[in-house]
């Protein structure tokens, strides 16, 4: 699936991923390939995802092998047609 993480300041990431863990209001949940469409509010916490190809670390993205982590202050996630868009603070 394609993941796109957007903040008011910049686009943090756009690329192919295998799975994404998100800090939902009721707890952390995971989205995998072919997941049903979903819209969820997010709270402050860590968003982590497993990338398909190489990714460079930035001031916002922490890369460890194929796993990338980013801290968010909240936001909204929408998954539809194998594309997950995260609007984060």
N, C-alpha and C. Protein backbone atom coordinates (compact mmCIF):
# COMPACT_ATOMS: atom_id res chain seq x y z
N UNK A 1 0.84 -1.18 0.00
CA UNK A 1 0.00 0.00 0.00
C UNK A 1 0.88 1.24 0.00
N UNK A 2 0.32 2.34 -0.39
CA UNK A 2 1.05 3.60 -0.41
C UNK A 2 0.71 4.38 0.85
N UNK A 3 1.74 4.89 1.52
CA UNK A 3 1.56 5.72 2.71
C UNK A 3 2.04 7.12 2.39
N UNK A 4 1.23 8.10 2.79
CA UNK A 4 1.62 9.50 2.66
C UNK A 4 1.37 10.18 4.01
N UNK A 5 2.43 10.78 4.57
CA UNK A 5 2.33 11.50 5.84
C UNK A 5 2.53 12.98 5.57
N UNK A 6 1.52 13.77 5.91
CA UNK A 6 1.54 15.20 5.61
C UNK A 6 1.33 15.98 6.91
N UNK A 7 2.16 17.01 7.13
CA UNK A 7 1.99 17.92 8.26
C UNK A 7 1.73 19.31 7.69
N UNK A 8 1.32 20.26 8.52
CA UNK A 8 1.14 21.63 8.02
C UNK A 8 2.43 22.23 7.44
N UNK A 9 3.57 21.76 7.93
CA UNK A 9 4.84 22.31 7.48
C UNK A 9 5.39 21.65 6.22
N UNK A 10 5.17 20.33 6.06
CA UNK A 10 5.80 19.62 4.94
C UNK A 10 5.18 18.24 4.75
N UNK A 11 5.52 17.62 3.64
CA UNK A 11 5.21 16.22 3.41
C UNK A 11 6.38 15.42 3.96
N UNK A 12 6.15 14.59 4.99
CA UNK A 12 7.23 13.86 5.65
C UNK A 12 7.63 12.60 4.92
N UNK A 13 6.65 11.93 4.30
CA UNK A 13 6.95 10.66 3.64
C UNK A 13 5.88 10.34 2.62
N UNK A 14 6.31 9.72 1.52
CA UNK A 14 5.39 9.15 0.55
C UNK A 14 6.10 7.97 -0.08
N UNK A 15 5.51 6.78 0.05
CA UNK A 15 6.13 5.60 -0.52
C UNK A 15 5.37 4.33 -0.21
N UNK A 16 5.91 3.23 -0.72
CA UNK A 16 5.31 1.91 -0.57
C UNK A 16 5.69 1.30 0.78
N UNK A 17 4.69 0.80 1.51
CA UNK A 17 4.91 0.19 2.82
C UNK A 17 4.16 -1.14 2.91
N UNK A 18 4.60 -1.99 3.85
CA UNK A 18 3.93 -3.27 4.09
C UNK A 18 2.92 -3.19 5.23
N UNK A 19 3.23 -2.37 6.25
CA UNK A 19 2.34 -2.24 7.40
C UNK A 19 2.58 -0.89 8.07
N UNK A 20 1.54 -0.42 8.79
CA UNK A 20 1.62 0.86 9.50
C UNK A 20 0.96 0.68 10.86
N UNK A 21 1.62 1.13 11.93
CA UNK A 21 1.03 1.16 13.27
C UNK A 21 0.75 2.61 13.63
N UNK A 22 -0.48 2.87 14.06
CA UNK A 22 -0.95 4.23 14.31
C UNK A 22 -1.46 4.38 15.74
N UNK A 23 -1.22 5.55 16.37
CA UNK A 23 -1.74 5.79 17.72
C UNK A 23 -3.17 6.31 17.69
N UNK A 24 -4.14 5.41 17.66
CA UNK A 24 -5.55 5.79 17.63
C UNK A 24 -6.02 6.28 19.00
N UNK A 25 -7.17 6.91 19.03
CA UNK A 25 -7.71 7.43 20.29
C UNK A 25 -8.01 6.32 21.29
N UNK A 26 -8.34 5.11 20.80
CA UNK A 26 -8.63 3.98 21.68
C UNK A 26 -7.45 3.02 21.80
N UNK A 27 -6.29 3.41 21.32
CA UNK A 27 -5.11 2.57 21.41
C UNK A 27 -4.43 2.42 20.06
N UNK A 28 -3.28 1.80 20.08
CA UNK A 28 -2.50 1.60 18.85
C UNK A 28 -3.17 0.54 18.00
N UNK A 29 -3.27 0.79 16.69
CA UNK A 29 -3.81 -0.20 15.77
C UNK A 29 -2.91 -0.28 14.55
N UNK A 30 -3.01 -1.41 13.85
CA UNK A 30 -2.14 -1.65 12.70
C UNK A 30 -2.97 -1.83 11.44
N UNK A 31 -2.44 -1.32 10.33
CA UNK A 31 -3.06 -1.45 9.02
C UNK A 31 -2.09 -2.23 8.13
N UNK A 32 -2.61 -3.26 7.47
CA UNK A 32 -1.81 -4.09 6.57
C UNK A 32 -2.33 -3.94 5.14
N UNK A 33 -1.59 -4.50 4.18
CA UNK A 33 -2.05 -4.51 2.79
C UNK A 33 -3.44 -5.13 2.70
N UNK A 34 -4.27 -4.61 1.81
CA UNK A 34 -5.63 -5.09 1.56
C UNK A 34 -6.56 -4.91 2.75
N UNK A 35 -6.25 -3.97 3.63
CA UNK A 35 -7.12 -3.66 4.77
C UNK A 35 -8.38 -2.97 4.25
N UNK A 36 -9.48 -3.17 4.95
CA UNK A 36 -10.73 -2.50 4.59
C UNK A 36 -10.57 -0.99 4.76
N UNK A 37 -11.33 -0.18 4.01
CA UNK A 37 -11.27 1.27 4.17
C UNK A 37 -11.55 1.68 5.62
N UNK A 38 -10.85 2.72 6.07
CA UNK A 38 -10.99 3.16 7.46
C UNK A 38 -10.66 4.65 7.55
N UNK A 39 -11.33 5.33 8.48
CA UNK A 39 -10.98 6.71 8.85
C UNK A 39 -10.88 6.71 10.37
N UNK A 40 -9.79 7.30 10.89
CA UNK A 40 -9.60 7.30 12.34
C UNK A 40 -8.91 8.58 12.80
N UNK A 41 -9.31 9.04 13.98
CA UNK A 41 -8.60 10.14 14.62
C UNK A 41 -7.37 9.56 15.32
N UNK A 42 -6.32 10.36 15.37
CA UNK A 42 -5.06 9.94 15.99
C UNK A 42 -4.72 10.83 17.16
N UNK A 43 -4.07 10.26 18.17
CA UNK A 43 -3.61 11.03 19.31
C UNK A 43 -2.09 11.13 19.28
N UNK A 44 -1.54 11.85 20.23
CA UNK A 44 -0.11 12.01 20.34
C UNK A 44 0.54 10.65 20.55
N UNK A 45 1.60 10.39 19.81
CA UNK A 45 2.30 9.12 19.95
C UNK A 45 3.21 8.84 18.77
N UNK A 46 3.58 7.57 18.67
CA UNK A 46 4.52 7.16 17.63
C UNK A 46 3.79 6.44 16.50
N UNK A 47 4.05 6.88 15.29
CA UNK A 47 3.56 6.23 14.09
C UNK A 47 4.76 5.46 13.53
N UNK A 48 4.60 4.17 13.30
CA UNK A 48 5.72 3.39 12.76
C UNK A 48 5.23 2.61 11.55
N UNK A 49 6.15 2.37 10.61
CA UNK A 49 5.78 1.65 9.41
C UNK A 49 6.98 0.89 8.85
N UNK A 50 6.67 -0.19 8.13
CA UNK A 50 7.68 -1.04 7.50
C UNK A 50 7.72 -0.70 6.02
N UNK A 51 8.86 -0.18 5.56
CA UNK A 51 8.98 0.25 4.17
C UNK A 51 9.41 -0.91 3.28
N UNK A 52 9.10 -0.78 1.99
CA UNK A 52 9.47 -1.78 1.00
C UNK A 52 10.90 -1.55 0.52
N UNK A 53 11.30 -0.29 0.32
CA UNK A 53 12.63 0.04 -0.18
C UNK A 53 13.40 0.88 0.82
N UNK A 54 14.57 1.36 0.43
CA UNK A 54 15.38 2.17 1.34
C UNK A 54 14.78 3.55 1.59
N UNK A 55 15.00 4.05 2.81
CA UNK A 55 14.53 5.38 3.20
C UNK A 55 15.66 6.06 3.97
N UNK A 56 15.86 7.34 3.70
CA UNK A 56 16.88 8.10 4.43
C UNK A 56 16.26 8.72 5.68
N UNK A 57 17.01 8.69 6.76
CA UNK A 57 16.57 9.32 8.00
C UNK A 57 16.59 10.84 7.82
N UNK A 58 15.65 11.51 8.48
CA UNK A 58 15.59 12.98 8.49
C UNK A 58 15.45 13.41 9.94
N UNK A 59 15.26 14.70 10.14
CA UNK A 59 15.07 15.18 11.52
C UNK A 59 13.75 14.65 12.10
N UNK A 60 12.78 14.31 11.24
CA UNK A 60 11.49 13.81 11.70
C UNK A 60 11.39 12.28 11.67
N UNK A 61 12.08 11.64 10.72
CA UNK A 61 11.99 10.20 10.54
C UNK A 61 13.19 9.49 11.16
N UNK A 62 12.92 8.49 12.00
CA UNK A 62 13.97 7.67 12.60
C UNK A 62 13.91 6.31 11.90
N UNK A 63 15.01 5.95 11.23
CA UNK A 63 15.05 4.72 10.45
C UNK A 63 15.91 3.68 11.16
N UNK A 64 15.36 2.46 11.28
CA UNK A 64 16.09 1.33 11.85
C UNK A 64 15.79 0.11 10.99
N UNK A 65 16.70 -0.22 10.08
CA UNK A 65 16.44 -1.31 9.13
C UNK A 65 15.32 -0.92 8.19
N UNK A 66 14.27 -1.76 8.13
CA UNK A 66 13.10 -1.47 7.29
C UNK A 66 12.00 -0.75 8.05
N UNK A 67 12.22 -0.49 9.33
CA UNK A 67 11.20 0.17 10.15
C UNK A 67 11.51 1.66 10.30
N UNK A 68 10.49 2.48 10.09
CA UNK A 68 10.62 3.93 10.21
C UNK A 68 9.64 4.39 11.28
N UNK A 69 10.09 5.31 12.14
CA UNK A 69 9.24 5.84 13.21
C UNK A 69 9.21 7.36 13.12
N UNK A 70 8.06 7.92 13.46
CA UNK A 70 7.90 9.37 13.51
C UNK A 70 6.95 9.69 14.66
N UNK A 71 7.25 10.74 15.41
CA UNK A 71 6.39 11.19 16.51
C UNK A 71 5.36 12.18 15.96
N UNK A 72 4.10 12.00 16.36
CA UNK A 72 3.06 12.94 15.95
C UNK A 72 2.33 13.46 17.19
N UNK A 73 1.69 14.61 17.04
CA UNK A 73 0.94 15.22 18.14
C UNK A 73 -0.56 14.94 18.02
N UNK A 74 -0.95 14.28 16.95
CA UNK A 74 -2.35 13.99 16.69
C UNK A 74 -2.63 14.11 15.22
N UNK A 75 -3.87 13.84 14.81
CA UNK A 75 -4.22 13.97 13.41
C UNK A 75 -5.35 13.06 13.01
N UNK A 76 -5.39 12.77 11.70
CA UNK A 76 -6.42 11.94 11.11
C UNK A 76 -5.77 11.02 10.08
N UNK A 77 -6.25 9.76 10.01
CA UNK A 77 -5.77 8.81 9.01
C UNK A 77 -6.94 8.32 8.19
N UNK A 78 -6.74 8.21 6.88
CA UNK A 78 -7.77 7.67 5.99
C UNK A 78 -7.13 6.65 5.05
N UNK A 79 -7.68 5.44 5.03
CA UNK A 79 -7.24 4.39 4.12
C UNK A 79 -8.35 4.11 3.14
N UNK A 80 -8.04 4.20 1.86
CA UNK A 80 -8.99 3.91 0.80
C UNK A 80 -8.22 3.50 -0.44
N UNK A 81 -8.63 2.42 -1.08
CA UNK A 81 -7.99 1.94 -2.31
C UNK A 81 -6.48 1.76 -2.17
N UNK A 82 -6.06 1.12 -1.09
CA UNK A 82 -4.65 0.80 -0.86
C UNK A 82 -3.77 2.04 -0.72
N UNK A 83 -4.36 3.19 -0.35
CA UNK A 83 -3.59 4.40 -0.09
C UNK A 83 -3.98 4.93 1.28
N UNK A 84 -2.99 5.04 2.18
CA UNK A 84 -3.20 5.55 3.53
C UNK A 84 -2.63 6.96 3.59
N UNK A 85 -3.51 7.92 3.87
CA UNK A 85 -3.09 9.31 4.01
C UNK A 85 -3.20 9.67 5.49
N UNK A 86 -2.11 10.17 6.07
CA UNK A 86 -2.09 10.61 7.45
C UNK A 86 -1.86 12.11 7.45
N UNK A 87 -2.84 12.85 7.96
CA UNK A 87 -2.70 14.30 8.17
C UNK A 87 -2.35 14.47 9.63
N UNK A 88 -1.10 14.83 9.91
CA UNK A 88 -0.60 14.84 11.27
C UNK A 88 -0.09 16.21 11.68
N UNK A 89 -0.05 16.41 13.00
CA UNK A 89 0.55 17.63 13.57
C UNK A 89 1.91 17.28 14.08
